[in-house]
Amino acid sequence: MQLGEFQALMAATYGERDRARGVEATVAWLTEELGELARAVRKGAREEQLHEAGDVLAWLASLTEQLGLSLEDAAARYSNGCPRCGSIPCRCP
C-alpha cells in the first residue's frame, strides 16, 4: 500500500472521529502510541513491535490529514537521501 492510499484509508475509517477529537488530542494519542512502540522495542516480541509501529503510522496519518498535509509529500523530503547533505548513506558529520 502506498502512503497516500494509507492516509486516505485512515481518513475514511477514522477521520470524522479524529477531526472531532482535534489536533491536540491526536498529538497526544500519537505520543502515547510512540511510547508503546518504544516499550515494545525494548521488551516486546516482533508481533507487538509490528502492531505498535502500525498504530504510530495510523496516528501520524491522522495528524497529517488534519493539518492538510500529505504523508507522501513529507516522505519526499528524503527521496534523494539525507536532506542535509544529499548523500546515501548520510555523510553528515
N, C-alpha and C. Protein backbone atom coordinates (compact mmCIF):
# COMPACT_ATOMS: atom_id res chain seq x y z
N MET A 1 0.84 -1.18 0.00
CA MET A 1 0.00 0.00 0.00
C MET A 1 0.89 1.24 0.00
N GLN A 2 0.54 2.20 -0.83
CA GLN A 2 1.26 3.46 -0.91
C GLN A 2 0.86 4.36 0.27
N LEU A 3 1.74 5.29 0.63
CA LEU A 3 1.46 6.18 1.75
C LEU A 3 0.18 6.98 1.56
N GLY A 4 -0.05 7.50 0.37
CA GLY A 4 -1.26 8.28 0.09
C GLY A 4 -2.51 7.44 0.25
N GLU A 5 -2.45 6.19 -0.21
CA GLU A 5 -3.58 5.28 -0.06
C GLU A 5 -3.85 5.00 1.42
N PHE A 6 -2.78 4.80 2.17
CA PHE A 6 -2.94 4.54 3.60
C PHE A 6 -3.55 5.75 4.30
N GLN A 7 -3.06 6.95 3.97
CA GLN A 7 -3.58 8.16 4.59
C GLN A 7 -5.07 8.30 4.26
N ALA A 8 -5.45 8.05 3.02
CA ALA A 8 -6.86 8.14 2.63
C ALA A 8 -7.70 7.09 3.35
N LEU A 9 -7.17 5.88 3.51
CA LEU A 9 -7.89 4.83 4.22
C LEU A 9 -8.11 5.21 5.68
N MET A 10 -7.08 5.75 6.33
CA MET A 10 -7.23 6.17 7.72
C MET A 10 -8.23 7.32 7.84
N ALA A 11 -8.23 8.24 6.87
CA ALA A 11 -9.18 9.36 6.88
C ALA A 11 -10.61 8.84 6.72
N ALA A 12 -10.80 7.88 5.83
CA ALA A 12 -12.13 7.32 5.64
C ALA A 12 -12.59 6.52 6.86
N THR A 13 -11.67 5.82 7.48
CA THR A 13 -12.00 4.95 8.61
C THR A 13 -12.19 5.73 9.90
N TYR A 14 -11.29 6.64 10.19
CA TYR A 14 -11.29 7.32 11.49
C TYR A 14 -11.38 8.84 11.41
N GLY A 15 -11.36 9.41 10.22
CA GLY A 15 -11.23 10.85 10.05
C GLY A 15 -12.27 11.67 10.78
N GLU A 16 -13.53 11.30 10.68
CA GLU A 16 -14.58 12.09 11.32
C GLU A 16 -14.37 12.13 12.83
N ARG A 17 -14.09 10.99 13.41
CA ARG A 17 -13.86 10.90 14.86
C ARG A 17 -12.61 11.68 15.26
N ASP A 18 -11.54 11.50 14.48
CA ASP A 18 -10.27 12.17 14.81
C ASP A 18 -10.38 13.69 14.68
N ARG A 19 -11.09 14.16 13.64
CA ARG A 19 -11.27 15.62 13.48
C ARG A 19 -12.08 16.18 14.64
N ALA A 20 -13.09 15.44 15.10
CA ALA A 20 -13.89 15.89 16.24
C ALA A 20 -13.04 15.95 17.51
N ARG A 21 -12.10 15.03 17.62
CA ARG A 21 -11.20 14.98 18.78
C ARG A 21 -10.23 16.15 18.73
N GLY A 22 -9.76 16.50 17.53
CA GLY A 22 -8.90 17.66 17.35
C GLY A 22 -7.42 17.32 17.27
N VAL A 23 -6.66 18.30 16.79
CA VAL A 23 -5.22 18.13 16.57
C VAL A 23 -4.48 17.87 17.87
N GLU A 24 -4.77 18.63 18.91
CA GLU A 24 -4.05 18.45 20.17
C GLU A 24 -4.24 17.05 20.73
N ALA A 25 -5.46 16.54 20.69
CA ALA A 25 -5.72 15.18 21.18
C ALA A 25 -5.04 14.15 20.28
N THR A 26 -5.01 14.42 18.99
CA THR A 26 -4.34 13.49 18.07
C THR A 26 -2.85 13.43 18.36
N VAL A 27 -2.24 14.57 18.63
CA VAL A 27 -0.83 14.59 19.01
C VAL A 27 -0.62 13.79 20.29
N ALA A 28 -1.52 13.92 21.24
CA ALA A 28 -1.41 13.16 22.49
C ALA A 28 -1.50 11.66 22.22
N TRP A 29 -2.45 11.24 21.38
CA TRP A 29 -2.58 9.82 21.05
C TRP A 29 -1.33 9.32 20.32
N LEU A 30 -0.82 10.11 19.37
CA LEU A 30 0.39 9.74 18.64
C LEU A 30 1.55 9.56 19.61
N THR A 31 1.68 10.47 20.55
CA THR A 31 2.76 10.40 21.53
C THR A 31 2.61 9.15 22.40
N GLU A 32 1.39 8.85 22.81
CA GLU A 32 1.15 7.65 23.61
C GLU A 32 1.52 6.39 22.83
N GLU A 33 1.13 6.34 21.56
CA GLU A 33 1.45 5.18 20.73
C GLU A 33 2.95 5.07 20.51
N LEU A 34 3.63 6.18 20.38
CA LEU A 34 5.09 6.15 20.22
C LEU A 34 5.73 5.58 21.47
N GLY A 35 5.21 5.93 22.64
CA GLY A 35 5.70 5.34 23.88
C GLY A 35 5.47 3.85 23.93
N GLU A 36 4.31 3.39 23.44
CA GLU A 36 4.03 1.96 23.40
C GLU A 36 4.98 1.26 22.44
N LEU A 37 5.32 1.90 21.32
CA LEU A 37 6.28 1.33 20.39
C LEU A 37 7.65 1.23 21.04
N ALA A 38 8.06 2.27 21.76
CA ALA A 38 9.35 2.25 22.44
C ALA A 38 9.41 1.09 23.44
N ARG A 39 8.34 0.89 24.18
CA ARG A 39 8.30 -0.22 25.14
C ARG A 39 8.37 -1.57 24.41
N ALA A 40 7.65 -1.68 23.30
CA ALA A 40 7.66 -2.93 22.53
C ALA A 40 9.05 -3.21 21.95
N VAL A 41 9.76 -2.17 21.55
CA VAL A 41 11.12 -2.35 21.03
C VAL A 41 12.03 -2.88 22.13
N ARG A 42 11.87 -2.35 23.33
CA ARG A 42 12.71 -2.78 24.44
C ARG A 42 12.34 -4.15 24.99
N LYS A 43 11.04 -4.44 25.08
CA LYS A 43 10.62 -5.62 25.82
C LYS A 43 9.67 -6.55 25.07
N GLY A 44 9.21 -6.15 23.89
CA GLY A 44 8.18 -6.90 23.22
C GLY A 44 8.69 -7.84 22.15
N ALA A 45 7.81 -8.71 21.73
CA ALA A 45 8.08 -9.62 20.63
C ALA A 45 7.88 -8.88 19.30
N ARG A 46 8.37 -9.46 18.25
CA ARG A 46 8.27 -8.86 16.91
C ARG A 46 6.82 -8.53 16.55
N GLU A 47 5.90 -9.39 16.87
CA GLU A 47 4.49 -9.16 16.56
C GLU A 47 3.97 -7.89 17.26
N GLU A 48 4.33 -7.70 18.50
CA GLU A 48 3.93 -6.50 19.24
C GLU A 48 4.59 -5.25 18.66
N GLN A 49 5.84 -5.35 18.25
CA GLN A 49 6.54 -4.22 17.64
C GLN A 49 5.85 -3.81 16.35
N LEU A 50 5.47 -4.80 15.53
CA LEU A 50 4.79 -4.52 14.27
C LEU A 50 3.44 -3.87 14.53
N HIS A 51 2.71 -4.36 15.52
CA HIS A 51 1.41 -3.80 15.89
C HIS A 51 1.56 -2.33 16.29
N GLU A 52 2.51 -2.04 17.15
CA GLU A 52 2.70 -0.67 17.64
C GLU A 52 3.22 0.24 16.53
N ALA A 53 4.07 -0.25 15.65
CA ALA A 53 4.54 0.56 14.52
C ALA A 53 3.36 0.94 13.63
N GLY A 54 2.44 0.01 13.42
CA GLY A 54 1.23 0.30 12.65
C GLY A 54 0.38 1.37 13.31
N ASP A 55 0.24 1.29 14.64
CA ASP A 55 -0.54 2.29 15.36
C ASP A 55 0.10 3.68 15.24
N VAL A 56 1.41 3.75 15.35
CA VAL A 56 2.11 5.05 15.21
C VAL A 56 1.86 5.61 13.80
N LEU A 57 1.97 4.76 12.80
CA LEU A 57 1.76 5.20 11.43
C LEU A 57 0.32 5.69 11.22
N ALA A 58 -0.65 4.98 11.81
CA ALA A 58 -2.05 5.38 11.68
C ALA A 58 -2.31 6.74 12.31
N TRP A 59 -1.77 6.97 13.50
CA TRP A 59 -1.96 8.26 14.16
C TRP A 59 -1.22 9.37 13.44
N LEU A 60 -0.05 9.07 12.88
CA LEU A 60 0.67 10.07 12.09
C LEU A 60 -0.14 10.43 10.84
N ALA A 61 -0.75 9.44 10.22
CA ALA A 61 -1.60 9.70 9.05
C ALA A 61 -2.78 10.58 9.43
N SER A 62 -3.38 10.33 10.58
CA SER A 62 -4.50 11.14 11.05
C SER A 62 -4.06 12.58 11.28
N LEU A 63 -2.92 12.74 11.93
CA LEU A 63 -2.42 14.08 12.21
C LEU A 63 -2.13 14.85 10.93
N THR A 64 -1.44 14.22 10.00
CA THR A 64 -1.11 14.91 8.75
C THR A 64 -2.37 15.28 7.99
N GLU A 65 -3.36 14.40 8.01
CA GLU A 65 -4.64 14.68 7.35
C GLU A 65 -5.30 15.90 7.98
N GLN A 66 -5.34 15.96 9.29
CA GLN A 66 -5.97 17.09 9.98
C GLN A 66 -5.23 18.40 9.71
N LEU A 67 -3.93 18.32 9.51
CA LEU A 67 -3.13 19.51 9.22
C LEU A 67 -3.15 19.90 7.74
N GLY A 68 -3.82 19.08 6.92
CA GLY A 68 -3.86 19.35 5.49
C GLY A 68 -2.56 19.03 4.79
N LEU A 69 -1.81 18.10 5.37
CA LEU A 69 -0.52 17.69 4.81
C LEU A 69 -0.62 16.30 4.19
N SER A 70 0.38 15.93 3.45
CA SER A 70 0.44 14.64 2.79
C SER A 70 1.63 13.84 3.32
N LEU A 71 1.38 12.59 3.71
CA LEU A 71 2.49 11.71 4.11
C LEU A 71 3.47 11.53 2.96
N GLU A 72 2.95 11.44 1.73
CA GLU A 72 3.84 11.28 0.58
C GLU A 72 4.74 12.50 0.40
N ASP A 73 4.18 13.69 0.58
CA ASP A 73 4.99 14.90 0.47
C ASP A 73 6.03 14.96 1.58
N ALA A 74 5.65 14.53 2.78
CA ALA A 74 6.59 14.52 3.89
C ALA A 74 7.73 13.55 3.61
N ALA A 75 7.41 12.37 3.09
CA ALA A 75 8.43 11.37 2.79
C ALA A 75 9.33 11.82 1.64
N ALA A 76 8.78 12.62 0.73
CA ALA A 76 9.56 13.08 -0.43
C ALA A 76 10.78 13.88 -0.02
N ARG A 77 10.75 14.45 1.17
CA ARG A 77 11.90 15.20 1.67
C ARG A 77 13.17 14.34 1.68
N TYR A 78 13.00 13.04 1.81
CA TYR A 78 14.12 12.11 1.90
C TYR A 78 14.35 11.33 0.60
N SER A 79 13.67 11.71 -0.47
CA SER A 79 13.73 10.93 -1.71
C SER A 79 15.10 10.91 -2.37
N ASN A 80 15.94 11.89 -2.07
CA ASN A 80 17.29 11.93 -2.64
C ASN A 80 18.36 11.64 -1.60
N GLY A 81 17.96 11.00 -0.51
CA GLY A 81 18.90 10.71 0.55
C GLY A 81 18.76 11.70 1.69
N CYS A 82 19.83 11.91 2.39
CA CYS A 82 19.83 12.84 3.52
C CYS A 82 19.46 14.23 3.02
N PRO A 83 18.42 14.86 3.59
CA PRO A 83 18.05 16.18 3.11
C PRO A 83 19.09 17.26 3.41
N ARG A 84 19.99 16.98 4.32
CA ARG A 84 21.02 17.96 4.67
C ARG A 84 22.24 17.86 3.75
N CYS A 85 22.77 16.64 3.60
CA CYS A 85 23.99 16.50 2.79
C CYS A 85 23.73 15.92 1.41
N GLY A 86 22.53 15.35 1.20
CA GLY A 86 22.16 14.78 -0.10
C GLY A 86 22.80 13.44 -0.40
N SER A 87 23.41 12.81 0.58
CA SER A 87 24.11 11.55 0.34
C SER A 87 23.29 10.35 0.82
N ILE A 88 23.58 9.22 0.18
CA ILE A 88 23.07 7.91 0.61
C ILE A 88 24.28 6.99 0.67
N PRO A 89 24.71 6.54 1.83
CA PRO A 89 24.22 6.89 3.15
C PRO A 89 24.61 8.31 3.54
N CYS A 90 23.98 8.79 4.58
CA CYS A 90 24.25 10.14 5.08
C CYS A 90 25.73 10.26 5.42
N ARG A 91 26.30 11.39 5.04
CA ARG A 91 27.71 11.66 5.33
C ARG A 91 27.87 12.93 6.21
N CYS A 92 26.79 13.32 6.84
CA CYS A 92 26.87 14.48 7.73
C CYS A 92 27.83 14.18 8.88
N PRO A 93 28.55 15.20 9.33
CA PRO A 93 29.49 14.98 10.43
C PRO A 93 28.76 14.67 11.73
